Each structure stands twice: as structure tokens, then as C-alpha cells.
Protein backbone atom coordinates (compact mmCIF):
# COMPACT_ATOMS: atom_id res chain seq x y z
CA MET A 1 -0.01 -0.03 -0.03
CA SER A 2 1.42 3.38 -0.93
CA ILE A 3 1.07 6.46 1.12
CA ASN A 4 -0.26 9.76 -0.10
CA LEU A 5 1.82 12.39 1.79
CA GLN A 6 -0.67 15.25 1.02
CA PRO A 7 -4.12 14.02 1.84
CA THR A 8 -7.00 16.45 2.59
CA LEU A 9 -8.10 15.93 6.21
CA GLN A 10 -10.73 17.48 8.34
CA ASN A 11 -12.44 17.37 11.68
CA LYS A 12 -14.81 19.82 13.35
CA LEU A 13 -11.94 22.32 14.21
CA VAL A 14 -9.41 22.14 11.35
CA LYS A 15 -9.06 21.52 7.71
CA ILE A 16 -5.74 20.23 6.47
CA ILE A 17 -5.13 20.76 2.72
CA PRO A 18 -2.14 20.34 0.53
CA LEU A 19 0.00 23.48 0.40
CA LYS A 20 0.04 25.27 -2.93
CA GLN A 21 2.20 27.98 -4.44
CA GLU A 22 -0.60 30.54 -4.19
CA ASP A 23 -0.73 30.05 -0.39
CA PHE A 24 2.65 31.84 0.08
CA GLU A 25 1.28 35.32 0.74
CA PRO A 26 -1.51 34.46 3.06
CA LEU A 27 0.64 31.99 5.01
CA TYR A 28 3.49 34.45 5.20
CA GLN A 29 0.98 36.90 6.82
CA VAL A 30 0.69 34.34 9.65
CA ALA A 31 4.52 33.52 9.70
CA SER A 32 5.52 37.16 9.72
CA ASP A 33 4.91 37.28 13.51
CA PRO A 34 8.33 37.31 15.09
CA LEU A 35 6.92 35.80 18.37
CA ILE A 36 6.03 32.54 16.59
CA TRP A 37 9.71 31.99 16.01
CA GLU A 38 11.34 33.25 19.25
CA GLN A 39 12.07 29.70 20.60
CA HIS A 40 12.76 28.11 17.23
CA PRO A 41 16.39 27.52 15.96
CA VAL A 42 15.74 29.82 13.04
CA LYS A 43 14.48 32.95 14.81
CA THR A 44 14.43 35.04 11.70
CA ARG A 45 11.87 33.04 9.84
CA TYR A 46 9.40 35.84 10.13
CA GLN A 47 11.51 37.60 7.59
CA ARG A 48 10.26 37.35 4.11
CA ASP A 49 13.45 35.99 2.42
CA VAL A 50 13.98 33.41 5.28
CA PHE A 51 10.35 32.41 5.13
CA GLN A 52 10.53 32.16 1.27
CA SER A 53 13.36 29.61 1.58
CA PHE A 54 11.28 27.64 4.19
CA PHE A 55 8.19 27.79 1.94
CA ASP A 56 10.13 26.73 -1.21
CA ASP A 57 11.42 23.73 0.78
CA ALA A 58 7.90 22.88 1.91
CA MET A 59 6.59 23.05 -1.65
CA GLN A 60 9.54 20.78 -2.87
CA SER A 61 8.69 18.25 -0.05
CA GLU A 62 5.30 17.41 -1.67
CA ALA A 63 4.22 16.52 1.85
CA SER A 64 3.38 19.95 3.25
CA PHE A 65 0.03 21.37 4.42
CA LEU A 66 -2.00 24.51 4.98
CA PHE A 67 -4.15 24.47 8.12
CA ARG A 68 -7.56 26.32 8.08
CA ASP A 69 -10.05 26.91 10.86
CA ALA A 70 -12.92 24.70 9.86
CA GLN A 71 -15.41 27.31 11.18
CA ASN A 72 -14.32 30.43 9.57
CA ASP A 73 -11.68 29.24 7.00
CA GLU A 74 -8.93 31.42 8.53
CA ILE A 75 -5.56 30.29 8.02
CA ILE A 76 -4.05 28.60 11.14
CA GLY A 77 -0.54 27.55 9.98
CA ASN A 78 1.58 24.85 8.44
CA SER A 79 3.11 21.43 8.93
CA ARG A 80 4.42 18.57 6.89
CA TYR A 81 5.41 14.95 6.91
CA TYR A 82 8.99 14.04 6.20
CA GLU A 83 11.48 11.21 6.54
CA TYR A 84 9.04 8.42 5.54
CA ASP A 85 10.63 5.10 6.14
CA ALA A 86 8.75 2.10 4.73
CA VAL A 87 11.20 -0.37 6.06
CA HIS A 88 11.10 0.89 9.70
CA LYS A 89 7.50 1.88 9.38
CA SER A 90 7.92 5.44 10.59
CA ILE A 91 7.38 9.06 9.53
CA ALA A 92 8.19 12.37 11.05
CA ILE A 93 5.83 15.27 11.52
CA GLY A 94 7.20 18.74 11.88
CA TYR A 95 8.01 22.10 10.64
CA THR A 96 4.79 23.07 12.25
CA PHE A 97 3.82 26.63 13.19
CA LEU A 98 0.49 28.13 14.22
CA ALA A 99 -0.83 31.68 14.43
CA ARG A 100 -0.53 32.81 18.00
CA LYS A 101 -4.39 33.20 18.48
CA TYR A 102 -4.48 29.28 18.06
CA TRP A 103 -1.80 28.68 20.67
CA GLY A 104 -2.59 26.88 24.07
CA GLY A 105 -5.90 25.47 23.16
CA VAL A 106 -7.35 22.48 21.25
CA TYR A 107 -6.05 23.37 17.73
CA ASN A 108 -2.60 21.87 17.85
CA TYR A 109 -3.98 18.57 19.18
CA ALA A 110 -6.87 18.61 16.62
CA LEU A 111 -4.50 19.14 13.63
CA LYS A 112 -1.77 16.85 14.89
CA SER A 113 -4.43 14.15 15.66
CA LEU A 114 -5.59 14.18 12.04
CA MET A 115 -1.98 13.86 10.81
CA ILE A 116 -1.11 11.11 13.34
CA ASP A 117 -4.38 9.07 12.73
CA TYR A 118 -3.74 9.28 9.01
CA ALA A 119 -0.08 8.26 9.16
CA PHE A 120 -0.83 5.35 11.50
CA ASN A 121 -2.71 3.77 8.48
CA PHE A 122 0.87 3.21 7.06
CA VAL A 123 3.42 3.37 9.92
CA GLU A 124 3.94 2.22 13.50
CA THR A 125 5.88 5.10 14.66
CA ILE A 126 5.60 8.94 14.45
CA VAL A 127 8.81 10.86 14.96
CA LEU A 128 9.05 14.54 16.02
CA HIS A 129 12.17 16.72 16.19
CA ILE A 130 11.96 19.65 18.64
CA GLY A 131 14.77 22.10 19.25
CA GLU A 132 16.15 22.04 22.71
CA SER A 133 15.33 25.58 23.46
CA ASN A 134 11.70 25.29 22.01
CA ILE A 135 10.01 24.72 25.30
CA ARG A 136 6.65 25.59 23.96
CA SER A 137 6.83 22.95 21.26
CA GLN A 138 8.27 20.33 23.79
CA LYS A 139 5.23 20.82 25.99
CA ALA A 140 2.78 20.62 23.06
CA THR A 141 4.47 17.46 21.85
CA GLU A 142 4.25 15.90 25.20
CA LYS A 143 0.65 16.73 25.42
CA LEU A 144 0.21 14.48 22.39
CA GLY A 145 1.66 11.69 24.35
CA ALA A 146 5.01 11.79 22.70
CA VAL A 147 7.99 10.24 24.53
CA LYS A 148 11.55 11.85 24.43
CA VAL A 149 13.79 9.00 23.04
CA GLY A 150 17.11 10.88 22.25
CA THR A 151 18.91 13.93 20.79
CA LEU A 152 20.05 14.84 17.39
CA ALA A 153 22.54 17.46 16.13
CA LYS A 154 20.94 19.18 13.22
CA GLU A 155 22.27 21.70 10.81
CA TYR A 156 20.22 24.71 10.09
CA HIS A 157 21.06 26.98 7.20
CA GLY A 158 22.31 30.31 8.49
CA VAL A 159 22.18 29.12 12.25
CA GLY A 160 24.72 26.34 12.53
CA THR A 161 24.35 23.06 14.56
CA VAL A 162 21.48 22.89 16.87
CA ILE A 163 20.48 20.07 19.33
CA ASN A 164 17.02 18.62 18.78
CA PHE A 165 15.16 16.35 21.05
CA ILE A 166 13.66 13.26 19.21
CA TYR A 167 10.23 12.21 20.37
CA HIS A 168 8.27 9.23 19.33
CA ILE A 169 4.56 8.28 19.40
CA ASP A 170 3.91 4.61 18.67
CA LYS A 171 0.79 3.29 17.31
CA SER A 172 -0.22 0.98 20.19
CA SER A 173 0.19 3.87 22.82
CA TRP A 174 -1.55 6.43 20.62
CA ALA A 175 -4.68 4.17 20.38
CA VAL A 176 -4.66 3.67 24.16
CA GLY A 177 -4.05 7.21 25.28
CA LYS A 178 -5.85 9.31 22.67
CA LYS A 179 -8.01 12.00 23.94
CA SER A 180 -11.66 11.93 22.52
């Protein structure tokens, strides 16, 4: 069975749709908030040229999404699948950011649940990489039930080497611990 890395998914809170080139400007309006990036290794991603590089990479991945509020169609943010490994039955979810008005509530859980539920049709393990200084994302990842399993030194263009924490969510624990 092959995996479609850009499905359209929806629940009562969010719509996840494949990212398109014409999404650049409205998504950049969300990403241009410097506070979104304050704990991220690439703290300048709010700048147009830095975000353009991020967006181009997202488009090339052919596995990136635009998130919209299911109630009012407002753009919430972006994420993607990456590092799909059919042999080890794993896939990573990351490069996620949300508009600040959607922080701290149910939206991150709602959109990640859609992505995780879909991915578990094809894999046994979800991998998430979170920068060691990105406390906000670490907490959000732990709320999903992810478990820290290690560290990884990752090179970021223009930043240098940054330590990321590696988190896993396995299919069996997700099924048991999933919130309704």
C-alpha cells in the first residue's frame, strides 16, 4: 500500500489541505509574527526572504499542508510529513507553526491528531524533532503523548548546528492514550 503524503483531512476544528504555491502570501502573513519563532532555532523565519526559503522547501517536499479553521476558513498555520521510512514503518511530522491566536488550546491537538491518525494507517511510529530551546513545542508534543527518546545534532542553514530532542509516538500507545 502506498502512502499519499498530502491528503486532505478535516475534523470539526481544522481543515488540512495540500500546500499550494498561491498560499505563500496568506501563509506568510501568519508567519511574519516574530513571536512565533522566538524559541525556534531559526528565529528570523518571520523575515520574508527566510520564510521564502522555508516555503520553497515545503513545496519541494510534496508533503506540506496549509491548516485552516474549519469554522471560519482562517489560515491557522502549516506542517508537513518528512523522513518517511517504509522499512522501519516510521514517518516524521514537523516544521509546524500556528498563528498565536491558536496557541494553548485545542487546535494543535486537533490538527496533529488528524495527521497522526492518517499516518498510522501506514506506519507504526511517528517521529518529532523539537529544538532543545523550544520549550513551547516540547510541551505541546508531550501533550500528544510523545516520549523523548534521544537527541540529534541538526544543521540549520544560517544558524549552524542545533540540538534537537527526538520524540516518538507509537501506534499502540496512541490508540490507548488518545483523547476523545
